[in-house]
């Protein structure tokens, strides 16, 4: 995808081509997400928990659908405060199933509470969700160098291991494909194609 950048040349503004990953062309919100969040290493526990829940909500759907409902999810799930989500009562979750701003799938809605409880146990054991999740990549982003979107995998042996470990701890909606999408989103892997203008920027972050 080409976007517009600007440079100054002899006192004049000159438009230059800006290349993005192909999926960033699916609307302004997707482009902004691609340009500012996707692939940037993330270490904040609350945000990591948010992405874990949102990626799970995406199962069988498009990320665009979830992204457009993101603010609704933040409101409904207490801005992904793990303790508050873990403490949600059945009646509160039932009410969310009537909310048109969410994906009204009972299993996905209730999974958020189960995942919050599992995440709190991880924090108790490892000190932070960040420390545990990043341990699957030894604390450093995996730097890929894909030339085309066809080279980007849907899952890897690392996401397989993460999925197996999370399921064992009681997390739900954490299949290997979901885990890999989570890794991409939170910068555990840099899967911007090399010609994307964000590739080098994300490659230099940890």
C-alpha atoms as a PDB file:
ATOM      1  CA  UNK A   1       0.000   0.000   0.000  1.00  0.00           C
ATOM      2  CA  UNK A   2       1.217   3.495  -0.826  1.00  0.00           C
ATOM      3  CA  UNK A   3       0.520   6.475   1.396  1.00  0.00           C
ATOM      4  CA  UNK A   4       1.629  10.077   1.300  1.00  0.00           C
ATOM      5  CA  UNK A   5       4.680  11.428   3.037  1.00  0.00           C
ATOM      6  CA  UNK A   6       6.102  14.925   2.671  1.00  0.00           C
ATOM      7  CA  UNK A   7       9.621  16.279   2.363  1.00  0.00           C
ATOM      8  CA  UNK A   8      10.953  19.739   1.715  1.00  0.00           C
ATOM      9  CA  UNK A   9      12.961  20.306  -1.440  1.00  0.00           C
ATOM     10  CA  UNK A  10      14.304  23.773  -2.246  1.00  0.00           C
ATOM     11  CA  UNK A  11      11.709  25.412  -0.070  1.00  0.00           C
ATOM     12  CA  UNK A  12       8.818  23.427  -1.515  1.00  0.00           C
ATOM     13  CA  UNK A  13       6.775  20.592  -0.056  1.00  0.00           C
ATOM     14  CA  UNK A  14       7.077  17.488  -2.191  1.00  0.00           C
ATOM     15  CA  UNK A  15       4.835  14.446  -1.769  1.00  0.00           C
ATOM     16  CA  UNK A  16       6.688  11.143  -1.497  1.00  0.00           C
ATOM     17  CA  UNK A  17       5.373   7.600  -1.561  1.00  0.00           C
ATOM     18  CA  UNK A  18       4.989   5.830   1.772  1.00  0.00           C
ATOM     19  CA  UNK A  19       4.688   2.069   1.589  1.00  0.00           C
ATOM     20  CA  UNK A  20       2.676   0.141   4.170  1.00  0.00           C
ATOM     21  CA  UNK A  21       1.742  -3.472   4.838  1.00  0.00           C
ATOM     22  CA  UNK A  22      -1.152  -4.468   2.579  1.00  0.00           C
ATOM     23  CA  UNK A  23      -3.766  -4.806   5.324  1.00  0.00           C
ATOM     24  CA  UNK A  24      -3.330  -1.191   6.425  1.00  0.00           C
ATOM     25  CA  UNK A  25      -5.384  -0.071   3.422  1.00  0.00           C
ATOM     26  CA  UNK A  26      -8.638  -1.207   5.049  1.00  0.00           C
ATOM     27  CA  UNK A  27      -9.774   2.197   6.306  1.00  0.00           C
ATOM     28  CA  UNK A  28      -8.338   5.102   8.287  1.00  0.00           C
ATOM     29  CA  UNK A  29      -8.593   3.339  11.643  1.00  0.00           C
ATOM     30  CA  UNK A  30      -6.631   0.340  10.394  1.00  0.00           C
ATOM     31  CA  UNK A  31      -4.011   2.626   8.887  1.00  0.00           C
ATOM     32  CA  UNK A  32      -3.598   4.582  12.110  1.00  0.00           C
ATOM     33  CA  UNK A  33      -3.323   1.346  14.085  1.00  0.00           C
ATOM     34  CA  UNK A  34      -0.690   0.044  11.671  1.00  0.00           C
ATOM     35  CA  UNK A  35       1.270   3.288  11.781  1.00  0.00           C
ATOM     36  CA  UNK A  36       1.294   3.782  15.553  1.00  0.00           C
ATOM     37  CA  UNK A  37       0.732   0.484  17.378  1.00  0.00           C
ATOM     38  CA  UNK A  38       1.137  -2.733  15.426  1.00  0.00           C
ATOM     39  CA  UNK A  39       4.553  -4.283  15.896  1.00  0.00           C
ATOM     40  CA  UNK A  40       5.723  -1.843  18.568  1.00  0.00           C
ATOM     41  CA  UNK A  41       7.095  -3.800  21.564  1.00  0.00           C
ATOM     42  CA  UNK A  42       4.577  -3.539  24.376  1.00  0.00           C
ATOM     43  CA  UNK A  43       5.380  -4.157  28.034  1.00  0.00           C
ATOM     44  CA  UNK A  44       2.439  -2.685  29.915  1.00  0.00           C
ATOM     45  CA  UNK A  45       0.461  -5.420  31.672  1.00  0.00           C
ATOM     46  CA  UNK A  46      -2.922  -3.800  31.177  1.00  0.00           C
ATOM     47  CA  UNK A  47      -2.324  -3.308  27.465  1.00  0.00           C
ATOM     48  CA  UNK A  48      -0.994  -6.828  27.050  1.00  0.00           C
ATOM     49  CA  UNK A  49      -4.131  -8.170  28.706  1.00  0.00           C
ATOM     50  CA  UNK A  50      -6.256  -5.967  26.457  1.00  0.00           C
ATOM     51  CA  UNK A  51      -4.641  -7.351  23.316  1.00  0.00           C
ATOM     52  CA  UNK A  52      -4.952 -10.905  24.600  1.00  0.00           C
ATOM     53  CA  UNK A  53      -8.691 -10.384  25.053  1.00  0.00           C
ATOM     54  CA  UNK A  54      -9.202  -8.538  21.780  1.00  0.00           C
ATOM     55  CA  UNK A  55      -7.284 -11.086  19.747  1.00  0.00           C
ATOM     56  CA  UNK A  56      -9.448 -13.784  21.288  1.00  0.00           C
ATOM     57  CA  UNK A  57     -12.583 -11.830  20.439  1.00  0.00           C
ATOM     58  CA  UNK A  58     -11.370 -11.678  16.840  1.00  0.00           C
ATOM     59  CA  UNK A  59     -11.451 -15.476  16.426  1.00  0.00           C
ATOM     60  CA  UNK A  60     -13.324 -16.239  13.222  1.00  0.00           C
ATOM     61  CA  UNK A  61     -13.730 -12.543  12.412  1.00  0.00           C
ATOM     62  CA  UNK A  62     -11.620  -9.715  11.007  1.00  0.00           C
ATOM     63  CA  UNK A  63      -9.342  -7.504  13.088  1.00  0.00           C
ATOM     64  CA  UNK A  64     -11.088  -4.524  11.509  1.00  0.00           C
ATOM     65  CA  UNK A  65     -14.339  -5.593  13.179  1.00  0.00           C
ATOM     66  CA  UNK A  66     -12.694  -5.775  16.595  1.00  0.00           C
ATOM     67  CA  UNK A  67     -10.748  -2.554  16.170  1.00  0.00           C
ATOM     68  CA  UNK A  68     -13.930  -0.628  15.442  1.00  0.00           C
ATOM     69  CA  UNK A  69     -15.393  -1.975  18.687  1.00  0.00           C
ATOM     70  CA  UNK A  70     -12.266  -1.401  20.767  1.00  0.00           C
ATOM     71  CA  UNK A  71     -13.571   1.590  22.722  1.00  0.00           C
ATOM     72  CA  UNK A  72     -16.722  -0.344  23.555  1.00  0.00           C
ATOM     73  CA  UNK A  73     -14.630  -3.221  24.870  1.00  0.00           C
ATOM     74  CA  UNK A  74     -12.593  -0.874  27.029  1.00  0.00           C
ATOM     75  CA  UNK A  75     -15.752   0.579  28.516  1.00  0.00           C
ATOM     76  CA  UNK A  76     -17.398  -2.806  29.044  1.00  0.00           C
ATOM     77  CA  UNK A  77     -14.344  -4.477  30.578  1.00  0.00           C
ATOM     78  CA  UNK A  78     -13.207  -1.707  32.899  1.00  0.00           C
ATOM     79  CA  UNK A  79     -10.390  -0.625  30.589  1.00  0.00           C
ATOM     80  CA  UNK A  80      -8.996  -4.132  30.998  1.00  0.00           C
ATOM     81  CA  UNK A  81      -8.068  -3.768  34.630  1.00  0.00           C
ATOM     82  CA  UNK A  82      -7.330  -7.429  35.334  1.00  0.00           C
ATOM     83  CA  UNK A  83      -8.614  -7.437  38.907  1.00  0.00           C
ATOM     84  CA  UNK A  84     -11.863  -5.706  38.012  1.00  0.00           C
ATOM     85  CA  UNK A  85     -12.472  -8.042  35.075  1.00  0.00           C
ATOM     86  CA  UNK A  86     -11.729 -11.074  37.249  1.00  0.00           C
ATOM     87  CA  UNK A  87     -14.303  -9.805  39.754  1.00  0.00           C
ATOM     88  CA  UNK A  88     -17.093  -9.342  37.200  1.00  0.00           C
ATOM     89  CA  UNK A  89     -20.328 -11.081  38.210  1.00  0.00           C
ATOM     90  CA  UNK A  90     -22.390 -13.351  35.997  1.00  0.00           C
ATOM     91  CA  UNK A  91     -25.175 -10.776  35.735  1.00  0.00           C
ATOM     92  CA  UNK A  92     -22.709  -8.169  34.480  1.00  0.00           C
ATOM     93  CA  UNK A  93     -21.449 -10.518  31.783  1.00  0.00           C
ATOM     94  CA  UNK A  94     -25.024 -11.418  30.843  1.00  0.00           C
ATOM     95  CA  UNK A  95     -25.765  -7.734  30.364  1.00  0.00           C
ATOM     96  CA  UNK A  96     -22.832  -7.434  27.975  1.00  0.00           C
ATOM     97  CA  UNK A  97     -24.421 -10.053  25.742  1.00  0.00           C
ATOM     98  CA  UNK A  98     -27.091  -7.458  24.961  1.00  0.00           C
ATOM     99  CA  UNK A  99     -24.562  -4.757  24.065  1.00  0.00           C
ATOM    100  CA  UNK A 100     -24.503  -4.165  20.269  1.00  0.00           C
ATOM    101  CA  UNK A 101     -21.106  -2.523  20.646  1.00  0.00           C
ATOM    102  CA  UNK A 102     -19.525  -5.882  21.443  1.00  0.00           C
ATOM    103  CA  UNK A 103     -19.218  -9.222  19.709  1.00  0.00           C
ATOM    104  CA  UNK A 104     -22.096 -10.927  21.478  1.00  0.00           C
ATOM    105  CA  UNK A 105     -20.657 -14.388  21.745  1.00  0.00           C
ATOM    106  CA  UNK A 106     -21.170 -15.895  25.191  1.00  0.00           C
ATOM    107  CA  UNK A 107     -17.980 -17.943  25.151  1.00  0.00           C
ATOM    108  CA  UNK A 108     -15.871 -14.953  24.131  1.00  0.00           C
ATOM    109  CA  UNK A 109     -17.462 -12.630  26.680  1.00  0.00           C
ATOM    110  CA  UNK A 110     -17.026 -15.043  29.582  1.00  0.00           C
ATOM    111  CA  UNK A 111     -13.484 -15.870  28.446  1.00  0.00           C
ATOM    112  CA  UNK A 112     -12.404 -12.355  29.406  1.00  0.00           C
ATOM    113  CA  UNK A 113     -13.129 -13.094  33.072  1.00  0.00           C
ATOM    114  CA  UNK A 114     -11.432 -16.491  32.949  1.00  0.00           C
ATOM    115  CA  UNK A 115      -8.401 -14.948  31.273  1.00  0.00           C
ATOM    116  CA  UNK A 116      -8.231 -12.187  33.867  1.00  0.00           C
ATOM    117  CA  UNK A 117      -8.156 -14.757  36.657  1.00  0.00           C
ATOM    118  CA  UNK A 118      -5.459 -16.745  34.865  1.00  0.00           C
ATOM    119  CA  UNK A 119      -3.466 -13.567  34.209  1.00  0.00           C
ATOM    120  CA  UNK A 120      -3.556 -12.594  37.878  1.00  0.00           C
ATOM    121  CA  UNK A 121      -2.123 -15.996  38.769  1.00  0.00           C
ATOM    122  CA  UNK A 122       0.664 -15.384  36.261  1.00  0.00           C
ATOM    123  CA  UNK A 123       1.391 -11.999  37.848  1.00  0.00           C
ATOM    124  CA  UNK A 124       1.530 -13.642  41.269  1.00  0.00           C
ATOM    125  CA  UNK A 125       4.042 -16.192  40.010  1.00  0.00           C
ATOM    126  CA  UNK A 126       6.179 -14.131  37.621  1.00  0.00           C
ATOM    127  CA  UNK A 127       5.789 -10.614  38.956  1.00  0.00           C
ATOM    128  CA  UNK A 128       4.100  -9.358  35.800  1.00  0.00           C
ATOM    129  CA  UNK A 129       2.206 -10.555  32.768  1.00  0.00           C
ATOM    130  CA  UNK A 130       4.905  -8.867  30.714  1.00  0.00           C
ATOM    131  CA  UNK A 131       7.692 -10.990  32.193  1.00  0.00           C
ATOM    132  CA  UNK A 132       5.815 -14.205  31.500  1.00  0.00           C
ATOM    133  CA  UNK A 133       4.605 -13.511  27.973  1.00  0.00           C
ATOM    134  CA  UNK A 134       7.904 -12.070  26.778  1.00  0.00           C
ATOM    135  CA  UNK A 135       9.753 -15.094  28.137  1.00  0.00           C
ATOM    136  CA  UNK A 136       8.504 -17.019  25.099  1.00  0.00           C
ATOM    137  CA  UNK A 137      10.798 -14.864  22.932  1.00  0.00           C
ATOM    138  CA  UNK A 138      13.556 -14.611  25.571  1.00  0.00           C
ATOM    139  CA  UNK A 139      12.653 -10.998  26.270  1.00  0.00           C
ATOM    140  CA  UNK A 140      13.604  -9.757  22.803  1.00  0.00           C
ATOM    141  CA  UNK A 141      11.536  -9.211  19.649  1.00  0.00           C
ATOM    142  CA  UNK A 142      12.006 -11.708  16.844  1.00  0.00           C
ATOM    143  CA  UNK A 143      13.167  -9.776  13.802  1.00  0.00           C
ATOM    144  CA  UNK A 144      11.775 -11.157  10.573  1.00  0.00           C
ATOM    145  CA  UNK A 145      12.492  -9.910   7.065  1.00  0.00           C
ATOM    146  CA  UNK A 146       9.488 -10.801   4.961  1.00  0.00           C
ATOM    147  CA  UNK A 147       9.491  -9.549   1.388  1.00  0.00           C
ATOM    148  CA  UNK A 148       5.820 -10.194   0.723  1.00  0.00           C
ATOM    149  CA  UNK A 149       2.629 -10.814   2.648  1.00  0.00           C
ATOM    150  CA  UNK A 150       2.581 -14.389   1.392  1.00  0.00           C
ATOM    151  CA  UNK A 151       5.695 -15.142   3.434  1.00  0.00           C
ATOM    152  CA  UNK A 152       4.162 -14.064   6.754  1.00  0.00           C
ATOM    153  CA  UNK A 153       3.078 -17.160   8.721  1.00  0.00           C
ATOM    154  CA  UNK A 154      -0.204 -17.609  10.562  1.00  0.00           C
ATOM    155  CA  UNK A 155       1.551 -19.414  13.407  1.00  0.00           C
ATOM    156  CA  UNK A 156       5.016 -20.593  14.413  1.00  0.00           C
ATOM    157  CA  UNK A 157       6.576 -23.085  16.822  1.00  0.00           C
ATOM    158  CA  UNK A 158       6.877 -20.219  19.322  1.00  0.00           C
ATOM    159  CA  UNK A 159       3.174 -19.407  19.132  1.00  0.00           C
ATOM    160  CA  UNK A 160       2.484 -23.140  19.420  1.00  0.00           C
ATOM    161  CA  UNK A 161       4.407 -23.220  22.705  1.00  0.00           C
ATOM    162  CA  UNK A 162       2.708 -20.082  23.976  1.00  0.00           C
ATOM    163  CA  UNK A 163      -0.719 -21.459  23.120  1.00  0.00           C
ATOM    164  CA  UNK A 164      -0.066 -24.765  24.854  1.00  0.00           C
ATOM    165  CA  UNK A 165       1.267 -23.044  27.975  1.00  0.00           C
ATOM    166  CA  UNK A 166      -1.587 -20.535  28.195  1.00  0.00           C
ATOM    167  CA  UNK A 167      -4.235 -23.223  27.760  1.00  0.00           C
ATOM    168  CA  UNK A 168      -2.614 -25.238  30.531  1.00  0.00           C
ATOM    169  CA  UNK A 169      -2.967 -22.207  32.800  1.00  0.00           C
ATOM    170  CA  UNK A 170      -6.661 -21.850  32.041  1.00  0.00           C
ATOM    171  CA  UNK A 171      -6.605 -19.146  29.379  1.00  0.00           C
ATOM    172  CA  UNK A 172      -9.272 -19.422  26.685  1.00  0.00           C
ATOM    173  CA  UNK A 173      -9.327 -18.420  23.016  1.00  0.00           C
ATOM    174  CA  UNK A 174      -5.556 -18.719  22.840  1.00  0.00           C
ATOM    175  CA  UNK A 175      -4.980 -21.033  19.903  1.00  0.00           C
ATOM    176  CA  UNK A 176      -1.652 -20.811  18.117  1.00  0.00           C
ATOM    177  CA  UNK A 177      -2.970 -18.515  15.376  1.00  0.00           C
ATOM    178  CA  UNK A 178      -4.452 -16.153  17.969  1.00  0.00           C
ATOM    179  CA  UNK A 179      -1.205 -16.212  19.934  1.00  0.00           C
ATOM    180  CA  UNK A 180       0.794 -15.352  16.836  1.00  0.00           C
ATOM    181  CA  UNK A 181      -1.524 -12.449  16.019  1.00  0.00           C
ATOM    182  CA  UNK A 182      -0.998 -11.309  19.615  1.00  0.00           C
ATOM    183  CA  UNK A 183       2.770 -11.562  19.198  1.00  0.00           C
ATOM    184  CA  UNK A 184       2.605  -9.492  16.017  1.00  0.00           C
ATOM    185  CA  UNK A 185       0.427  -6.828  17.594  1.00  0.00           C
ATOM    186  CA  UNK A 186       2.554  -6.445  20.715  1.00  0.00           C
ATOM    187  CA  UNK A 187       5.901  -6.375  18.943  1.00  0.00           C
ATOM    188  CA  UNK A 188       7.163  -9.768  20.054  1.00  0.00           C
ATOM    189  CA  UNK A 189       7.777 -10.297  16.361  1.00  0.00           C
ATOM    190  CA  UNK A 190       8.355  -7.648  13.715  1.00  0.00           C
ATOM    191  CA  UNK A 191       6.191  -8.791  10.827  1.00  0.00           C
ATOM    192  CA  UNK A 192       6.062  -5.556   8.890  1.00  0.00           C
ATOM    193  CA  UNK A 193       7.293  -6.419   5.402  1.00  0.00           C
ATOM    194  CA  UNK A 194      10.734  -4.944   4.791  1.00  0.00           C
ATOM    195  CA  UNK A 195       9.495  -2.341   2.313  1.00  0.00           C
ATOM    196  CA  UNK A 196       6.945  -1.002   4.811  1.00  0.00           C
ATOM    197  CA  UNK A 197       8.011   2.346   6.261  1.00  0.00           C
ATOM    198  CA  UNK A 198       7.382   0.982   9.777  1.00  0.00           C
ATOM    199  CA  UNK A 199       9.755  -1.967   9.416  1.00  0.00           C
ATOM    200  CA  UNK A 200      12.952  -0.186  10.428  1.00  0.00           C
ATOM    201  CA  UNK A 201      11.237   1.837  13.136  1.00  0.00           C
ATOM    202  CA  UNK A 202       9.932  -1.298  14.843  1.00  0.00           C
ATOM    203  CA  UNK A 203      13.155  -3.226  14.248  1.00  0.00           C
ATOM    204  CA  UNK A 204      15.014  -0.776  16.457  1.00  0.00           C
ATOM    205  CA  UNK A 205      12.686  -1.153  19.443  1.00  0.00           C
ATOM    206  CA  UNK A 206      12.714  -3.607  22.358  1.00  0.00           C
END
